[in-house]
C-alpha cells in the first residue's frame, strides 16, 4: 500500500495506525460485511529501511504516478506552473527517480 501524507511528522507507524483505526471503524459500521462482527485491525511492523526514499514509480505504474503528481502538484488550486514543476529537480526525483524520467512520463501522460 502506498500512502502520501504531506505531514512532515508522519511516519510509517503513525500512518499504519491511522489506517488500522479507520478499517476497524468501518468494520464496526458495516458488520454485515464481516459476518456480523466488528473486526479490530492492528498495525504491526514498519517497512525495512531498504524501503525508505524510493521514488513513487517504484510502487505505482507510470501512468498512476503521473496522476498522483498532477493531483498533488498541478491542481487548479495549487497555482504551480508547468515550467516551475519541470525545473524542480528534487520533486522530479522524488516522484520519478530522475529528472529525465519525470519529463518523459509527464510528456506521455500529463496532458498539460
PDB file of N, CA and C in Angstrom:
ATOM      1  N   UNK A   1       0.853  -1.162   0.000  1.00  0.00           N
ATOM      2  CA  UNK A   1       0.000   0.000   0.000  1.00  0.00           C
ATOM      3  C   UNK A   1       0.901   1.227   0.000  1.00  0.00           C
ATOM      4  N   UNK A   2       0.570   2.173  -0.832  1.00  0.00           N
ATOM      5  CA  UNK A   2       1.298   3.430  -0.890  1.00  0.00           C
ATOM      6  C   UNK A   2       0.398   4.505  -0.313  1.00  0.00           C
ATOM      7  N   UNK A   3       0.940   5.287   0.615  1.00  0.00           N
ATOM      8  CA  UNK A   3       0.207   6.421   1.145  1.00  0.00           C
ATOM      9  C   UNK A   3       1.061   7.659   0.957  1.00  0.00           C
ATOM     10  N   UNK A   4       0.410   8.767   0.737  1.00  0.00           N
ATOM     11  CA  UNK A   4       1.115  10.033   0.611  1.00  0.00           C
ATOM     12  C   UNK A   4       0.540  10.949   1.666  1.00  0.00           C
ATOM     13  N   UNK A   5       1.397  11.402   2.558  1.00  0.00           N
ATOM     14  CA  UNK A   5       0.968  12.236   3.658  1.00  0.00           C
ATOM     15  C   UNK A   5       1.877  13.460   3.704  1.00  0.00           C
ATOM     16  N   UNK A   6       1.318  14.653   3.500  1.00  0.00           N
ATOM     17  CA  UNK A   6       2.155  15.850   3.476  1.00  0.00           C
ATOM     18  C   UNK A   6       2.670  16.275   4.846  1.00  0.00           C
ATOM     19  N   UNK A   7       2.196  15.642   5.907  1.00  0.00           N
ATOM     20  CA  UNK A   7       2.648  15.988   7.252  1.00  0.00           C
ATOM     21  C   UNK A   7       4.081  15.511   7.453  1.00  0.00           C
ATOM     22  N   UNK A   8       5.030  16.423   7.676  1.00  0.00           N
ATOM     23  CA  UNK A   8       6.428  16.005   7.830  1.00  0.00           C
ATOM     24  C   UNK A   8       6.675  15.145   9.068  1.00  0.00           C
ATOM     25  N   UNK A   9       5.734  15.150  10.002  1.00  0.00           N
ATOM     26  CA  UNK A   9       5.883  14.340  11.209  1.00  0.00           C
ATOM     27  C   UNK A   9       5.318  12.937  11.034  1.00  0.00           C
ATOM     28  N   UNK A  10       4.656  12.675   9.935  1.00  0.00           N
ATOM     29  CA  UNK A  10       4.057  11.359   9.693  1.00  0.00           C
ATOM     30  C   UNK A  10       5.148  10.315   9.487  1.00  0.00           C
ATOM     31  N   UNK A  11       4.914   9.158  10.048  1.00  0.00           N
ATOM     32  CA  UNK A  11       5.831   8.028   9.880  1.00  0.00           C
ATOM     33  C   UNK A  11       5.027   6.833   9.386  1.00  0.00           C
ATOM     34  N   UNK A  12       5.727   5.805   8.976  1.00  0.00           N
ATOM     35  CA  UNK A  12       5.033   4.591   8.554  1.00  0.00           C
ATOM     36  C   UNK A  12       4.160   4.067   9.698  1.00  0.00           C
ATOM     37  N   UNK A  13       4.642   4.179  10.915  1.00  0.00           N
ATOM     38  CA  UNK A  13       3.890   3.681  12.064  1.00  0.00           C
ATOM     39  C   UNK A  13       2.628   4.505  12.315  1.00  0.00           C
ATOM     40  N   UNK A  14       2.717   5.840  12.265  1.00  0.00           N
ATOM     41  CA  UNK A  14       1.529   6.659  12.514  1.00  0.00           C
ATOM     42  C   UNK A  14       0.511   6.498  11.399  1.00  0.00           C
ATOM     43  N   UNK A  15       0.967   6.431  10.157  1.00  0.00           N
ATOM     44  CA  UNK A  15       0.044   6.242   9.038  1.00  0.00           C
ATOM     45  C   UNK A  15      -0.604   4.865   9.109  1.00  0.00           C
ATOM     46  N   UNK A  16       0.197   3.827   9.398  1.00  0.00           N
ATOM     47  CA  UNK A  16      -0.340   2.477   9.524  1.00  0.00           C
ATOM     48  C   UNK A  16      -1.366   2.362  10.631  1.00  0.00           C
ATOM     49  N   UNK A  17      -1.101   3.011  11.751  1.00  0.00           N
ATOM     50  CA  UNK A  17      -2.041   3.002  12.874  1.00  0.00           C
ATOM     51  C   UNK A  17      -3.335   3.714  12.493  1.00  0.00           C
ATOM     52  N   UNK A  18      -3.227   4.844  11.807  1.00  0.00           N
ATOM     53  CA  UNK A  18      -4.426   5.571  11.367  1.00  0.00           C
ATOM     54  C   UNK A  18      -5.268   4.717  10.414  1.00  0.00           C
ATOM     55  N   UNK A  19      -4.618   4.017   9.516  1.00  0.00           N
ATOM     56  CA  UNK A  19      -5.340   3.157   8.569  1.00  0.00           C
ATOM     57  C   UNK A  19      -6.028   2.012   9.307  1.00  0.00           C
ATOM     58  N   UNK A  20      -5.338   1.421  10.275  1.00  0.00           N
ATOM     59  CA  UNK A  20      -5.932   0.326  11.054  1.00  0.00           C
ATOM     60  C   UNK A  20      -7.158   0.813  11.832  1.00  0.00           C
ATOM     61  N   UNK A  21      -7.084   1.997  12.408  1.00  0.00           N
ATOM     62  CA  UNK A  21      -8.223   2.565  13.133  1.00  0.00           C
ATOM     63  C   UNK A  21      -9.392   2.794  12.178  1.00  0.00           C
ATOM     64  N   UNK A  22      -9.092   3.312  10.981  1.00  0.00           N
ATOM     65  CA  UNK A  22     -10.161   3.548  10.003  1.00  0.00           C
ATOM     66  C   UNK A  22     -10.814   2.239   9.570  1.00  0.00           C
ATOM     67  N   UNK A  23     -10.012   1.206   9.340  1.00  0.00           N
ATOM     68  CA  UNK A  23     -10.568  -0.094   8.974  1.00  0.00           C
ATOM     69  C   UNK A  23     -11.419  -0.661  10.104  1.00  0.00           C
ATOM     70  N   UNK A  24     -10.959  -0.517  11.337  1.00  0.00           N
ATOM     71  CA  UNK A  24     -11.731  -1.003  12.482  1.00  0.00           C
ATOM     72  C   UNK A  24     -13.069  -0.280  12.585  1.00  0.00           C
ATOM     73  N   UNK A  25     -13.063   1.039  12.389  1.00  0.00           N
ATOM     74  CA  UNK A  25     -14.300   1.817  12.429  1.00  0.00           C
ATOM     75  C   UNK A  25     -15.248   1.382  11.316  1.00  0.00           C
ATOM     76  N   UNK A  26     -14.701   1.138  10.143  1.00  0.00           N
ATOM     77  CA  UNK A  26     -15.523   0.672   9.025  1.00  0.00           C
ATOM     78  C   UNK A  26     -16.149  -0.677   9.347  1.00  0.00           C
ATOM     79  N   UNK A  27     -15.359  -1.574   9.933  1.00  0.00           N
ATOM     80  CA  UNK A  27     -15.913  -2.902  10.228  1.00  0.00           C
ATOM     81  C   UNK A  27     -17.002  -2.823  11.297  1.00  0.00           C
ATOM     82  N   UNK A  28     -16.883  -1.853  12.209  1.00  0.00           N
ATOM     83  CA  UNK A  28     -17.929  -1.683  13.228  1.00  0.00           C
ATOM     84  C   UNK A  28     -19.209  -1.153  12.590  1.00  0.00           C
ATOM     85  N   UNK A  29     -19.054  -0.240  11.634  1.00  0.00           N
ATOM     86  CA  UNK A  29     -20.225   0.340  10.972  1.00  0.00           C
ATOM     87  C   UNK A  29     -20.863  -0.622   9.977  1.00  0.00           C
ATOM     88  N   UNK A  30     -20.086  -1.506   9.420  1.00  0.00           N
ATOM     89  CA  UNK A  30     -20.586  -2.427   8.387  1.00  0.00           C
ATOM     90  C   UNK A  30     -20.360  -3.881   8.800  1.00  0.00           C
ATOM     91  N   UNK A  31     -20.834  -4.226   9.956  1.00  0.00           N
ATOM     92  CA  UNK A  31     -20.686  -5.594  10.462  1.00  0.00           C
ATOM     93  C   UNK A  31     -21.247  -6.619   9.489  1.00  0.00           C
ATOM     94  N   UNK A  32     -22.209  -6.191   8.673  1.00  0.00           N
ATOM     95  CA  UNK A  32     -22.819  -7.107   7.720  1.00  0.00           C
ATOM     96  C   UNK A  32     -21.797  -7.649   6.727  1.00  0.00           C
ATOM     97  N   UNK A  33     -20.735  -6.928   6.531  1.00  0.00           N
ATOM     98  CA  UNK A  33     -19.678  -7.387   5.616  1.00  0.00           C
ATOM     99  C   UNK A  33     -18.655  -8.294   6.304  1.00  0.00           C
ATOM    100  N   UNK A  34     -18.737  -8.378   7.632  1.00  0.00           N
ATOM    101  CA  UNK A  34     -17.757  -9.142   8.413  1.00  0.00           C
ATOM    102  C   UNK A  34     -18.431 -10.191   9.290  1.00  0.00           C
ATOM    103  N   UNK A  35     -19.385 -10.903   8.713  1.00  0.00           N
ATOM    104  CA  UNK A  35     -20.100 -11.972   9.424  1.00  0.00           C
ATOM    105  C   UNK A  35     -20.734 -11.489  10.728  1.00  0.00           C
ATOM    106  N   UNK A  36     -21.229 -10.243  10.721  1.00  0.00           N
ATOM    107  CA  UNK A  36     -21.930  -9.709  11.878  1.00  0.00           C
ATOM    108  C   UNK A  36     -21.046  -9.305  13.034  1.00  0.00           C
ATOM    109  N   UNK A  37     -19.747  -9.246  12.820  1.00  0.00           N
ATOM    110  CA  UNK A  37     -18.823  -8.914  13.910  1.00  0.00           C
ATOM    111  C   UNK A  37     -17.938  -7.733  13.538  1.00  0.00           C
ATOM    112  N   UNK A  38     -17.591  -6.962  14.552  1.00  0.00           N
ATOM    113  CA  UNK A  38     -16.594  -5.905  14.365  1.00  0.00           C
ATOM    114  C   UNK A  38     -15.223  -6.577  14.342  1.00  0.00           C
ATOM    115  N   UNK A  39     -14.390  -6.151  13.444  1.00  0.00           N
ATOM    116  CA  UNK A  39     -13.035  -6.671  13.366  1.00  0.00           C
ATOM    117  C   UNK A  39     -12.085  -5.575  13.810  1.00  0.00           C
ATOM    118  N   UNK A  40     -11.196  -5.901  14.733  1.00  0.00           N
ATOM    119  CA  UNK A  40     -10.194  -4.934  15.175  1.00  0.00           C
ATOM    120  C   UNK A  40      -8.921  -5.125  14.366  1.00  0.00           C
ATOM    121  N   UNK A  41      -8.635  -4.149  13.526  1.00  0.00           N
ATOM    122  CA  UNK A  41      -7.410  -4.176  12.737  1.00  0.00           C
ATOM    123  C   UNK A  41      -6.299  -3.541  13.553  1.00  0.00           C
ATOM    124  N   UNK A  42      -5.116  -4.126  13.451  1.00  0.00           N
ATOM    125  CA  UNK A  42      -3.968  -3.635  14.206  1.00  0.00           C
ATOM    126  C   UNK A  42      -2.793  -3.484  13.251  1.00  0.00           C
ATOM    127  N   UNK A  43      -2.127  -2.362  13.360  1.00  0.00           N
ATOM    128  CA  UNK A  43      -0.920  -2.163  12.567  1.00  0.00           C
ATOM    129  C   UNK A  43       0.219  -2.888  13.268  1.00  0.00           C
ATOM    130  N   UNK A  44       0.958  -3.673  12.504  1.00  0.00           N
ATOM    131  CA  UNK A  44       2.111  -4.350  13.098  1.00  0.00           C
ATOM    132  C   UNK A  44       3.289  -4.252  12.150  1.00  0.00           C
ATOM    133  N   UNK A  45       4.322  -3.682  12.648  1.00  0.00           N
ATOM    134  CA  UNK A  45       5.548  -3.597  11.870  1.00  0.00           C
ATOM    135  C   UNK A  45       5.661  -2.342  11.038  1.00  0.00           C
ATOM    136  N   UNK A  46       6.852  -2.037  10.672  1.00  0.00           N
ATOM    137  CA  UNK A  46       7.163  -0.920   9.783  1.00  0.00           C
ATOM    138  C   UNK A  46       8.027  -1.463   8.661  1.00  0.00           C
ATOM    139  N   UNK A  47       8.020  -0.808   7.521  1.00  0.00           N
ATOM    140  CA  UNK A  47       8.842  -1.313   6.422  1.00  0.00           C
ATOM    141  C   UNK A  47      10.326  -1.234   6.769  1.00  0.00           C
ATOM    142  N   UNK A  48      11.103  -2.126   6.237  1.00  0.00           N
ATOM    143  CA  UNK A  48      12.537  -2.070   6.498  1.00  0.00           C
ATOM    144  C   UNK A  48      13.140  -0.799   5.912  1.00  0.00           C
ATOM    145  N   UNK A  49      14.295  -0.395   6.438  1.00  0.00           N
ATOM    146  CA  UNK A  49      14.951   0.808   5.946  1.00  0.00           C
ATOM    147  C   UNK A  49      15.226   0.734   4.452  1.00  0.00           C
ATOM    148  N   UNK A  50      15.352  -0.465   3.920  1.00  0.00           N
ATOM    149  CA  UNK A  50      15.603  -0.603   2.489  1.00  0.00           C
ATOM    150  C   UNK A  50      14.434  -0.089   1.660  1.00  0.00           C
ATOM    151  N   UNK A  51      13.285   0.159   2.294  1.00  0.00           N
ATOM    152  CA  UNK A  51      12.120   0.687   1.583  1.00  0.00           C
ATOM    153  C   UNK A  51      11.999   2.199   1.719  1.00  0.00           C
ATOM    154  N   UNK A  52      12.936   2.850   2.361  1.00  0.00           N
ATOM    155  CA  UNK A  52      12.889   4.300   2.514  1.00  0.00           C
ATOM    156  C   UNK A  52      13.429   5.006   1.282  1.00  0.00           C
ATOM    157  N   UNK A  53      12.816   6.120   0.980  1.00  0.00           N
ATOM    158  CA  UNK A  53      13.318   7.071  -0.017  1.00  0.00           C
ATOM    159  C   UNK A  53      13.386   6.558  -1.447  1.00  0.00           C
ATOM    160  N   UNK A  54      12.502   5.688  -1.827  1.00  0.00           N
ATOM    161  CA  UNK A  54      12.421   5.287  -3.230  1.00  0.00           C
ATOM    162  C   UNK A  54      11.450   6.223  -3.941  1.00  0.00           C
ATOM    163  N   UNK A  55      11.637   6.424  -5.229  1.00  0.00           N
ATOM    164  CA  UNK A  55      10.669   7.247  -5.955  1.00  0.00           C
ATOM    165  C   UNK A  55       9.325   6.537  -6.033  1.00  0.00           C
ATOM    166  N   UNK A  56       8.283   7.309  -6.212  1.00  0.00           N
ATOM    167  CA  UNK A  56       6.940   6.750  -6.266  1.00  0.00           C
ATOM    168  C   UNK A  56       6.785   5.747  -7.398  1.00  0.00           C
ATOM    169  N   UNK A  57       7.548   5.907  -8.475  1.00  0.00           N
ATOM    170  CA  UNK A  57       7.443   4.990  -9.608  1.00  0.00           C
ATOM    171  C   UNK A  57       7.880   3.575  -9.242  1.00  0.00           C
ATOM    172  N   UNK A  58       8.522   3.412  -8.121  1.00  0.00           N
ATOM    173  CA  UNK A  58       8.875   2.053  -7.688  1.00  0.00           C
ATOM    174  C   UNK A  58       7.627   1.274  -7.277  1.00  0.00           C
ATOM    175  N   UNK A  59       6.605   1.984  -6.829  1.00  0.00           N
ATOM    176  CA  UNK A  59       5.425   1.339  -6.260  1.00  0.00           C
ATOM    177  C   UNK A  59       4.178   1.433  -7.140  1.00  0.00           C
ATOM    178  N   UNK A  60       4.128   2.397  -8.038  1.00  0.00           N
ATOM    179  CA  UNK A  60       2.962   2.592  -8.886  1.00  0.00           C
ATOM    180  C   UNK A  60       3.359   2.491 -10.346  1.00  0.00           C
ATOM    181  N   UNK A  61       2.394   2.114 -11.186  1.00  0.00           N
ATOM    182  CA  UNK A  61       2.698   2.121 -12.612  1.00  0.00           C
ATOM    183  C   UNK A  61       2.857   3.583 -13.041  1.00  0.00           C
ATOM    184  N   UNK A  62       3.565   3.787 -14.139  1.00  0.00           N
ATOM    185  CA  UNK A  62       3.939   5.131 -14.573  1.00  0.00           C
ATOM    186  C   UNK A  62       2.751   6.072 -14.690  1.00  0.00           C
ATOM    187  N   UNK A  63       1.692   5.623 -15.345  1.00  0.00           N
ATOM    188  CA  UNK A  63       0.541   6.494 -15.556  1.00  0.00           C
ATOM    189  C   UNK A  63      -0.102   6.910 -14.234  1.00  0.00           C
ATOM    190  N   UNK A  64      -0.200   5.992 -13.279  1.00  0.00           N
ATOM    191  CA  UNK A  64      -0.764   6.323 -11.973  1.00  0.00           C
ATOM    192  C   UNK A  64       0.130   7.292 -11.213  1.00  0.00           C
ATOM    193  N   UNK A  65       1.426   7.124 -11.350  1.00  0.00           N
ATOM    194  CA  UNK A  65       2.359   8.042 -10.701  1.00  0.00           C
ATOM    195  C   UNK A  65       2.163   9.462 -11.239  1.00  0.00           C
ATOM    196  N   UNK A  66       1.972   9.590 -12.539  1.00  0.00           N
ATOM    197  CA  UNK A  66       1.723  10.897 -13.143  1.00  0.00           C
ATOM    198  C   UNK A  66       0.399  11.460 -12.625  1.00  0.00           C
ATOM    199  N   UNK A  67      -0.619  10.617 -12.473  1.00  0.00           N
ATOM    200  CA  UNK A  67      -1.900  11.089 -11.949  1.00  0.00           C
ATOM    201  C   UNK A  67      -1.746  11.642 -10.535  1.00  0.00           C
ATOM    202  N   UNK A  68      -1.009  10.932  -9.684  1.00  0.00           N
ATOM    203  CA  UNK A  68      -0.775  11.407  -8.316  1.00  0.00           C
ATOM    204  C   UNK A  68      -0.007  12.725  -8.361  1.00  0.00           C
ATOM    205  N   UNK A  69       1.024  12.791  -9.197  1.00  0.00           N
ATOM    206  CA  UNK A  69       1.814  14.015  -9.342  1.00  0.00           C
ATOM    207  C   UNK A  69       0.912  15.184  -9.740  1.00  0.00           C
ATOM    208  N   UNK A  70       0.072  14.974 -10.731  1.00  0.00           N
ATOM    209  CA  UNK A  70      -0.788  16.047 -11.223  1.00  0.00           C
ATOM    210  C   UNK A  70      -1.796  16.484 -10.152  1.00  0.00           C
ATOM    211  N   UNK A  71      -2.360  15.532  -9.416  1.00  0.00           N
ATOM    212  CA  UNK A  71      -3.313  15.868  -8.352  1.00  0.00           C
ATOM    213  C   UNK A  71      -2.651  16.665  -7.229  1.00  0.00           C
ATOM    214  N   UNK A  72      -1.445  16.270  -6.891  1.00  0.00           N
ATOM    215  CA  UNK A  72      -0.755  16.920  -5.776  1.00  0.00           C
ATOM    216  C   UNK A  72      -0.087  18.235  -6.165  1.00  0.00           C
ATOM    217  N   UNK A  73       0.424  18.298  -7.366  1.00  0.00           N
ATOM    218  CA  UNK A  73       1.297  19.418  -7.714  1.00  0.00           C
ATOM    219  C   UNK A  73       0.744  20.364  -8.762  1.00  0.00           C
ATOM    220  N   UNK A  74      -0.214  19.949  -9.559  1.00  0.00           N
ATOM    221  CA  UNK A  74      -0.668  20.767 -10.673  1.00  0.00           C
ATOM    222  C   UNK A  74      -2.178  20.943 -10.692  1.00  0.00           C
ATOM    223  N   UNK A  75      -2.804  20.898  -9.546  1.00  0.00           N
ATOM    224  CA  UNK A  75      -4.242  21.120  -9.490  1.00  0.00           C
ATOM    225  C   UNK A  75      -4.503  22.613  -9.675  1.00  0.00           C
ATOM    226  N   UNK A  76      -5.705  22.980 -10.087  1.00  0.00           N
ATOM    227  CA  UNK A  76      -6.013  24.401 -10.269  1.00  0.00           C
ATOM    228  C   UNK A  76      -5.757  25.239  -9.011  1.00  0.00           C
ATOM    229  N   UNK A  77      -5.963  24.645  -7.849  1.00  0.00           N
ATOM    230  CA  UNK A  77      -5.770  25.376  -6.597  1.00  0.00           C
ATOM    231  C   UNK A  77      -4.298  25.580  -6.243  1.00  0.00           C
ATOM    232  N   UNK A  78      -3.410  24.765  -6.808  1.00  0.00           N
ATOM    233  CA  UNK A  78      -2.003  24.820  -6.405  1.00  0.00           C
ATOM    234  C   UNK A  78      -1.301  26.091  -6.859  1.00  0.00           C
ATOM    235  N   UNK A  79      -1.697  26.610  -8.012  1.00  0.00           N
ATOM    236  CA  UNK A  79      -1.028  27.792  -8.536  1.00  0.00           C
ATOM    237  C   UNK A  79       0.339  27.501  -9.131  1.00  0.00           C
ATOM    238  N   UNK A  80       0.732  26.224  -9.156  1.00  0.00           N
ATOM    239  CA  UNK A  80       2.035  25.860  -9.714  1.00  0.00           C
ATOM    240  C   UNK A  80       2.002  25.932 -11.229  1.00  0.00           C
ATOM    241  N   UNK A  81       3.119  26.355 -11.787  1.00  0.00           N
ATOM    242  CA  UNK A  81       3.250  26.424 -13.242  1.00  0.00           C
ATOM    243  C   UNK A  81       4.021  25.211 -13.739  1.00  0.00           C
ATOM    244  N   UNK A  82       3.673  24.766 -14.918  1.00  0.00           N
ATOM    245  CA  UNK A  82       4.330  23.611 -15.537  1.00  0.00           C
ATOM    246  C   UNK A  82       5.844  23.781 -15.547  1.00  0.00           C
ATOM    247  N   UNK A  83       6.314  24.927 -15.971  1.00  0.00           N
ATOM    248  CA  UNK A  83       7.755  25.173 -16.082  1.00  0.00           C
ATOM    249  C   UNK A  83       8.450  25.087 -14.727  1.00  0.00           C
ATOM    250  N   UNK A  84       7.790  25.597 -13.684  1.00  0.00           N
ATOM    251  CA  UNK A  84       8.378  25.544 -12.342  1.00  0.00           C
ATOM    252  C   UNK A  84       8.475  24.107 -11.844  1.00  0.00           C
ATOM    253  N   UNK A  85       7.437  23.322 -12.102  1.00  0.00           N
ATOM    254  CA  UNK A  85       7.459  21.926 -11.670  1.00  0.00           C
ATOM    255  C   UNK A  85       8.528  21.132 -12.411  1.00  0.00           C
ATOM    256  N   UNK A  86       8.610  21.336 -13.713  1.00  0.00           N
ATOM    257  CA  UNK A  86       9.595  20.596 -14.506  1.00  0.00           C
ATOM    258  C   UNK A  86      11.027  20.958 -14.131  1.00  0.00           C
ATOM    259  N   UNK A  87      11.232  22.150 -13.635  1.00  0.00           N
ATOM    260  CA  UNK A  87      12.592  22.559 -13.273  1.00  0.00           C
ATOM    261  C   UNK A  87      12.940  22.260 -11.817  1.00  0.00           C
ATOM    262  N   UNK A  88      11.987  21.708 -11.075  1.00  0.00           N
ATOM    263  CA  UNK A  88      12.244  21.362  -9.662  1.00  0.00           C
ATOM    264  C   UNK A  88      12.812  19.948  -9.596  1.00  0.00           C
ATOM    265  N   UNK A  89      14.109  19.839  -9.649  1.00  0.00           N
ATOM    266  CA  UNK A  89      14.763  18.530  -9.708  1.00  0.00           C
ATOM    267  C   UNK A  89      14.463  17.632  -8.515  1.00  0.00           C
ATOM    268  N   UNK A  90      14.482  18.142  -7.274  1.00  0.00           N
ATOM    269  CA  UNK A  90      14.150  17.246  -6.147  1.00  0.00           C
ATOM    270  C   UNK A  90      12.745  16.650  -6.261  1.00  0.00           C
ATOM    271  N   UNK A  91      11.806  17.435  -6.759  1.00  0.00           N
ATOM    272  CA  UNK A  91      10.438  16.938  -6.932  1.00  0.00           C
ATOM    273  C   UNK A  91      10.388  15.854  -8.002  1.00  0.00           C
ATOM    274  N   UNK A  92      11.046  16.095  -9.122  1.00  0.00           N
ATOM    275  CA  UNK A  92      11.087  15.100 -10.207  1.00  0.00           C
ATOM    276  C   UNK A  92      11.721  13.798  -9.714  1.00  0.00           C
ATOM    277  N   UNK A  93      12.796  13.914  -8.956  1.00  0.00           N
ATOM    278  CA  UNK A  93      13.485  12.720  -8.449  1.00  0.00           C
ATOM    279  C   UNK A  93      12.639  11.973  -7.429  1.00  0.00           C
ATOM    280  N   UNK A  94      11.908  12.701  -6.585  1.00  0.00           N
ATOM    281  CA  UNK A  94      11.080  12.046  -5.564  1.00  0.00           C
ATOM    282  C   UNK A  94       9.940  11.247  -6.195  1.00  0.00           C
ATOM    283  N   UNK A  95       9.351  11.779  -7.242  1.00  0.00           N
ATOM    284  CA  UNK A  95       8.242  11.087  -7.899  1.00  0.00           C
ATOM    285  C   UNK A  95       8.710  10.045  -8.904  1.00  0.00           C
ATOM    286  N   UNK A  96       9.721  10.398  -9.704  1.00  0.00           N
ATOM    287  CA  UNK A  96      10.038   9.593 -10.879  1.00  0.00           C
ATOM    288  C   UNK A  96      11.429   8.959 -10.879  1.00  0.00           C
ATOM    289  N   UNK A  97      12.253   9.273  -9.895  1.00  0.00           N
ATOM    290  CA  UNK A  97      13.589   8.688  -9.824  1.00  0.00           C
ATOM    291  C   UNK A  97      14.657   9.531 -10.484  1.00  0.00           C
ATOM    292  N   UNK A  98      14.297  10.264 -11.520  1.00  0.00           N
ATOM    293  CA  UNK A  98      15.241  11.179 -12.173  1.00  0.00           C
ATOM    294  C   UNK A  98      14.455  12.252 -12.912  1.00  0.00           C
ATOM    295  N   UNK A  99      15.130  13.333 -13.201  1.00  0.00           N
ATOM    296  CA  UNK A  99      14.507  14.428 -13.937  1.00  0.00           C
ATOM    297  C   UNK A  99      14.102  13.955 -15.333  1.00  0.00           C
ATOM    298  N   UNK A 100      14.996  13.213 -15.972  1.00  0.00           N
ATOM    299  CA  UNK A 100      14.741  12.756 -17.338  1.00  0.00           C
ATOM    300  C   UNK A 100      13.509  11.855 -17.415  1.00  0.00           C
ATOM    301  N   UNK A 101      13.419  10.906 -16.494  1.00  0.00           N
ATOM    302  CA  UNK A 101      12.257  10.002 -16.480  1.00  0.00           C
ATOM    303  C   UNK A 101      10.990  10.794 -16.185  1.00  0.00           C
ATOM    304  N   UNK A 102      11.067  11.726 -15.253  1.00  0.00           N
ATOM    305  CA  UNK A 102       9.906  12.557 -14.940  1.00  0.00           C
ATOM    306  C   UNK A 102       9.413  13.323 -16.146  1.00  0.00           C
ATOM    307  N   UNK A 103      10.336  13.948 -16.867  1.00  0.00           N
ATOM    308  CA  UNK A 103       9.938  14.705 -18.058  1.00  0.00           C
ATOM    309  C   UNK A 103       9.315  13.787 -19.106  1.00  0.00           C
ATOM    310  N   UNK A 104       9.901  12.616 -19.292  1.00  0.00           N
ATOM    311  CA  UNK A 104       9.385  11.670 -20.293  1.00  0.00           C
ATOM    312  C   UNK A 104       7.966  11.224 -19.937  1.00  0.00           C
ATOM    313  N   UNK A 105       7.753  10.827 -18.673  1.00  0.00           N
ATOM    314  CA  UNK A 105       6.438  10.341 -18.267  1.00  0.00           C
ATOM    315  C   UNK A 105       5.385  11.450 -18.278  1.00  0.00           C
ATOM    316  N   UNK A 106       5.777  12.634 -17.874  1.00  0.00           N
ATOM    317  CA  UNK A 106       4.830  13.746 -17.905  1.00  0.00           C
ATOM    318  C   UNK A 106       4.463  14.101 -19.350  1.00  0.00           C
ATOM    319  N   UNK A 107       5.433  14.041 -20.238  1.00  0.00           N
ATOM    320  CA  UNK A 107       5.136  14.282 -21.657  1.00  0.00           C
ATOM    321  C   UNK A 107       4.146  13.242 -22.195  1.00  0.00           C
ATOM    322  N   UNK A 108       4.291  12.001 -21.750  1.00  0.00           N
ATOM    323  CA  UNK A 108       3.421  10.930 -22.238  1.00  0.00           C
ATOM    324  C   UNK A 108       2.011  10.981 -21.661  1.00  0.00           C
ATOM    325  N   UNK A 109       1.897  11.270 -20.346  1.00  0.00           N
ATOM    326  CA  UNK A 109       0.629  11.054 -19.668  1.00  0.00           C
ATOM    327  C   UNK A 109      -0.037  12.290 -19.050  1.00  0.00           C
ATOM    328  N   UNK A 110       0.669  13.398 -18.909  1.00  0.00           N
ATOM    329  CA  UNK A 110       0.111  14.512 -18.143  1.00  0.00           C
ATOM    330  C   UNK A 110      -1.011  15.243 -18.858  1.00  0.00           C
ATOM    331  N   UNK A 111      -0.942  15.367 -20.151  1.00  0.00           N
ATOM    332  CA  UNK A 111      -1.974  16.110 -20.862  1.00  0.00           C
ATOM    333  C   UNK A 111      -2.001  17.566 -20.464  1.00  0.00           C
ATOM    334  N   UNK A 112      -0.834  18.124 -20.256  1.00  0.00           N
ATOM    335  CA  UNK A 112      -0.723  19.531 -19.872  1.00  0.00           C
ATOM    336  C   UNK A 112      -1.651  20.342 -20.719  1.00  0.00           C
TER     337      UNK A 112
END
